[in-house]
C-alpha atoms as a PDB file:
ATOM      1  CA  MET A   1     -24.229  -8.146  23.762  1.00  0.00           C
ATOM      2  CA  THR A   2     -24.297  -9.415  20.166  1.00  0.00           C
ATOM      3  CA  GLN A   3     -21.030 -11.097  18.506  1.00  0.00           C
ATOM      4  CA  ASN A   4     -20.420  -8.798  16.408  1.00  0.00           C
ATOM      5  CA  ASN A   5     -18.317  -6.831  18.641  1.00  0.00           C
ATOM      6  CA  GLN A   6     -16.196  -9.961  19.070  1.00  0.00           C
ATOM      7  CA  LYS A   7     -12.880  -9.357  17.936  1.00  0.00           C
ATOM      8  CA  THR A   8     -11.005 -11.926  15.718  1.00  0.00           C
ATOM      9  CA  VAL A   9      -7.657 -13.257  15.842  1.00  0.00           C
ATOM     10  CA  LEU A  10      -6.069 -15.104  13.505  1.00  0.00           C
ATOM     11  CA  LEU A  11      -3.735 -17.826  15.160  1.00  0.00           C
ATOM     12  CA  VAL A  12      -1.164 -19.153  12.061  1.00  0.00           C
ATOM     13  CA  GLU A  13       0.985 -21.828  14.236  1.00  0.00           C
ATOM     14  CA  ASP A  14       1.853 -25.492  13.282  1.00  0.00           C
ATOM     15  CA  ASN A  15       2.317 -26.889  17.073  1.00  0.00           C
ATOM     16  CA  GLU A  16      -0.439 -28.187  18.153  1.00  0.00           C
ATOM     17  CA  ASP A  17       0.483 -27.418  21.650  1.00  0.00           C
ATOM     18  CA  ASN A  18       0.952 -23.740  20.542  1.00  0.00           C
ATOM     19  CA  LEU A  19      -2.280 -23.628  18.863  1.00  0.00           C
ATOM     20  CA  VAL A  20      -4.380 -25.524  21.671  1.00  0.00           C
ATOM     21  CA  VAL A  21      -2.288 -22.952  24.510  1.00  0.00           C
ATOM     22  CA  TYR A  22      -3.161 -19.760  22.705  1.00  0.00           C
ATOM     23  CA  ARG A  23      -6.047 -20.568  20.983  1.00  0.00           C
ATOM     24  CA  THR A  24      -7.540 -21.093  24.979  1.00  0.00           C
ATOM     25  CA  ILE A  25      -6.282 -18.078  26.493  1.00  0.00           C
ATOM     26  CA  LEU A  26      -7.438 -15.781  23.726  1.00  0.00           C
ATOM     27  CA  GLU A  27     -11.056 -17.704  23.614  1.00  0.00           C
ATOM     28  CA  HIS A  28     -11.178 -16.814  27.932  1.00  0.00           C
ATOM     29  CA  VAL A  29     -10.551 -13.391  27.418  1.00  0.00           C
ATOM     30  CA  GLY A  30     -13.057 -13.177  24.380  1.00  0.00           C
ATOM     31  CA  PHE A  31     -11.575 -12.983  21.480  1.00  0.00           C
ATOM     32  CA  ARG A  32     -12.749 -15.402  18.269  1.00  0.00           C
ATOM     33  CA  VAL A  33     -10.018 -17.673  17.159  1.00  0.00           C
ATOM     34  CA  ILE A  34      -9.365 -19.029  13.383  1.00  0.00           C
ATOM     35  CA  GLU A  35      -6.350 -21.023  13.222  1.00  0.00           C
ATOM     36  CA  ALA A  36      -4.338 -22.274  10.423  1.00  0.00           C
ATOM     37  CA  ARG A  37      -2.012 -24.130   9.977  1.00  0.00           C
ATOM     38  CA  ASP A  38       0.849 -23.346   7.280  1.00  0.00           C
ATOM     39  CA  GLY A  39       1.708 -19.924   6.040  1.00  0.00           C
ATOM     40  CA  GLU A  40      -0.848 -20.461   2.539  1.00  0.00           C
ATOM     41  CA  GLU A  41      -3.594 -21.452   4.692  1.00  0.00           C
ATOM     42  CA  GLY A  42      -2.735 -17.927   7.178  1.00  0.00           C
ATOM     43  CA  VAL A  43      -2.944 -15.884   4.372  1.00  0.00           C
ATOM     44  CA  SER A  44      -5.733 -16.974   2.136  1.00  0.00           C
ATOM     45  CA  ARG A  45      -7.748 -17.443   5.583  1.00  0.00           C
ATOM     46  CA  ALA A  46      -6.866 -13.719   6.505  1.00  0.00           C
ATOM     47  CA  LYS A  47      -8.007 -12.386   2.590  1.00  0.00           C
ATOM     48  CA  GLN A  48     -11.402 -14.629   3.737  1.00  0.00           C
ATOM     49  CA  TYR A  49     -11.854 -13.496   7.293  1.00  0.00           C
ATOM     50  CA  LEU A  50     -10.170 -10.242   7.479  1.00  0.00           C
ATOM     51  CA  PRO A  51      -9.232 -10.658  11.033  1.00  0.00           C
ATOM     52  CA  ASP A  52      -8.677  -8.052  13.592  1.00  0.00           C
ATOM     53  CA  LEU A  53      -5.182  -9.313  14.597  1.00  0.00           C
ATOM     54  CA  ILE A  54      -2.974 -11.593  13.334  1.00  0.00           C
ATOM     55  CA  LEU A  55      -0.774 -14.249  15.417  1.00  0.00           C
ATOM     56  CA  MET A  56       2.312 -15.590  12.591  1.00  0.00           C
ATOM     57  CA  ASP A  57       4.665 -18.146  13.636  1.00  0.00           C
ATOM     58  CA  ILE A  58       7.474 -17.634  11.801  1.00  0.00           C
ATOM     59  CA  SER A  59       8.839 -21.665  11.313  1.00  0.00           C
ATOM     60  CA  ILE A  60       5.920 -22.552   9.427  1.00  0.00           C
ATOM     61  CA  PRO A  61       5.354 -24.903   6.937  1.00  0.00           C
ATOM     62  CA  LYS A  62       4.697 -24.094   3.140  1.00  0.00           C
ATOM     63  CA  ILE A  63       5.577 -20.748   2.929  1.00  0.00           C
ATOM     64  CA  ASP A  64       7.315 -19.077   6.098  1.00  0.00           C
ATOM     65  CA  GLY A  65       5.699 -16.708   8.257  1.00  0.00           C
ATOM     66  CA  TRP A  66       7.886 -13.748   7.067  1.00  0.00           C
ATOM     67  CA  GLU A  67       7.126 -14.743   3.589  1.00  0.00           C
ATOM     68  CA  ALA A  68       3.077 -15.247   4.284  1.00  0.00           C
ATOM     69  CA  THR A  69       3.271 -11.394   6.526  1.00  0.00           C
ATOM     70  CA  GLN A  70       5.380  -9.684   3.320  1.00  0.00           C
ATOM     71  CA  ARG A  71       2.070 -10.943   1.055  1.00  0.00           C
ATOM     72  CA  LEU A  72      -0.071  -9.751   3.390  1.00  0.00           C
ATOM     73  CA  LYS A  73       1.228  -6.267   3.700  1.00  0.00           C
ATOM     74  CA  SER A  74       1.525  -6.036   0.490  1.00  0.00           C
ATOM     75  CA  ASP A  75      -2.383  -7.239  -0.688  1.00  0.00           C
ATOM     76  CA  ASP A  76      -4.788  -3.575  -0.093  1.00  0.00           C
ATOM     77  CA  SER A  77      -7.432  -5.727   1.645  1.00  0.00           C
ATOM     78  CA  THR A  78      -5.017  -7.293   4.011  1.00  0.00           C
ATOM     79  CA  LYS A  79      -1.908  -4.495   4.775  1.00  0.00           C
ATOM     80  CA  GLU A  80      -3.740  -2.708   7.638  1.00  0.00           C
ATOM     81  CA  ILE A  81      -4.439  -5.477  10.225  1.00  0.00           C
ATOM     82  CA  PRO A  82      -1.700  -5.694  12.696  1.00  0.00           C
ATOM     83  CA  ILE A  83       0.949  -8.825  12.718  1.00  0.00           C
ATOM     84  CA  ILE A  84       2.608 -10.289  15.740  1.00  0.00           C
ATOM     85  CA  ALA A  85       5.428 -12.375  14.690  1.00  0.00           C
ATOM     86  CA  LEU A  86       5.587 -15.790  17.141  1.00  0.00           C
ATOM     87  CA  THR A  87       9.025 -16.943  16.749  1.00  0.00           C
ATOM     88  CA  ALA A  88      11.239 -18.886  19.017  1.00  0.00           C
ATOM     89  CA  HIS A  89      14.363 -17.006  17.129  1.00  0.00           C
ATOM     90  CA  ALA A  90      14.866 -14.782  19.736  1.00  0.00           C
ATOM     91  CA  LEU A  91      17.860 -12.592  18.588  1.00  0.00           C
ATOM     92  CA  GLU A  92      17.884  -8.969  17.651  1.00  0.00           C
ATOM     93  CA  GLU A  93      18.218  -9.408  14.023  1.00  0.00           C
ATOM     94  CA  ASP A  94      15.627 -11.906  14.523  1.00  0.00           C
ATOM     95  CA  ARG A  95      13.190  -8.920  15.536  1.00  0.00           C
ATOM     96  CA  GLN A  96      14.396  -6.790  12.825  1.00  0.00           C
ATOM     97  CA  LYS A  97      13.348  -9.125  10.254  1.00  0.00           C
ATOM     98  CA  ALA A  98      10.580  -9.261  11.516  1.00  0.00           C
ATOM     99  CA  LEU A  99      10.179  -5.436  11.629  1.00  0.00           C
ATOM    100  CA  GLN A 100      11.198  -5.590   7.827  1.00  0.00           C
ATOM    101  CA  ALA A 101       9.029  -8.427   6.753  1.00  0.00           C
ATOM    102  CA  GLY A 102       6.331  -6.003   8.067  1.00  0.00           C
ATOM    103  CA  CYS A 103       5.126  -7.224  11.453  1.00  0.00           C
ATOM    104  CA  ASP A 104       4.304  -4.856  13.447  1.00  0.00           C
ATOM    105  CA  GLY A 105       4.951  -6.765  16.917  1.00  0.00           C
ATOM    106  CA  TYR A 106       7.285  -9.512  17.967  1.00  0.00           C
ATOM    107  CA  LEU A 107       7.070 -12.110  20.867  1.00  0.00           C
ATOM    108  CA  ALA A 108       9.746 -14.503  21.213  1.00  0.00           C
ATOM    109  CA  LYS A 109       8.854 -18.091  22.033  1.00  0.00           C
ATOM    110  CA  PRO A 110       8.449 -19.580  24.690  1.00  0.00           C
ATOM    111  CA  VAL A 111       6.320 -16.771  25.494  1.00  0.00           C
ATOM    112  CA  GLU A 112       3.479 -16.553  28.404  1.00  0.00           C
ATOM    113  CA  PRO A 113       0.112 -16.900  27.646  1.00  0.00           C
ATOM    114  CA  ARG A 114      -0.923 -13.905  29.259  1.00  0.00           C
ATOM    115  CA  ARG A 115       1.703 -11.964  27.233  1.00  0.00           C
ATOM    116  CA  VAL A 116      -0.111 -12.801  23.962  1.00  0.00           C
ATOM    117  CA  VAL A 117      -2.867 -11.202  25.276  1.00  0.00           C
ATOM    118  CA  GLN A 118      -1.092  -8.292  26.887  1.00  0.00           C
ATOM    119  CA  GLU A 119       0.635  -8.041  23.054  1.00  0.00           C
ATOM    120  CA  VAL A 120      -2.617  -8.236  21.117  1.00  0.00           C
ATOM    121  CA  GLU A 121      -4.703  -5.979  23.839  1.00  0.00           C
ATOM    122  CA  ARG A 122      -2.355  -3.482  22.973  1.00  0.00           C
ATOM    123  CA  PHE A 123      -2.942  -3.693  18.813  1.00  0.00           C
ATOM    124  CA  VAL A 124      -6.707  -3.840  18.884  1.00  0.00           C
ATOM    125  CA  GLY A 125      -8.141  -3.361  22.409  1.00  0.00           C
ATOM    126  CA  PRO A 126      -9.991  -5.751  25.065  1.00  0.00           C
ATOM    127  CA  ALA A 127     -11.878  -8.350  23.106  1.00  0.00           C
ATOM    128  CA  LYS A 128     -15.078  -7.016  23.061  1.00  0.00           C
ATOM    129  CA  ALA A 129     -16.359  -3.909  22.389  1.00  0.00           C
ATOM    130  CA  PRO A 130     -18.216  -2.188  25.700  1.00  0.00           C
ATOM    131  CA  ALA A 131     -21.743  -2.267  24.831  1.00  0.00           C
ATOM    132  CA  ASN A 132     -23.206   1.539  24.783  1.00  0.00           C
END
């Protein structure tokens, strides 16, 4: 199998422990993971790499996840990329805010790593396309 059919996830997260956990589990099941540690870097990496999906922490430096999501969803080159909000804000109004900002999915932290994988696969399918 070539690398070409491997799906890419952009992980926008400023907490080192969370970065390591989510990157490790996503790579374990076969996704390619690109990291960004703040909202500005997340937006620029999304435009640079055009990942299959973005996991967006909400409480991140420079610009928060809401703003970063709105920027990506208003840009023609990135608006079709599914964005899953990763947030410690677990109230119903936070879920509504995530959807209003343009997030396609929502995971409240702390979130089980397997749950992250399930949510990613719900949007983009398995990490690797089946070989023909």
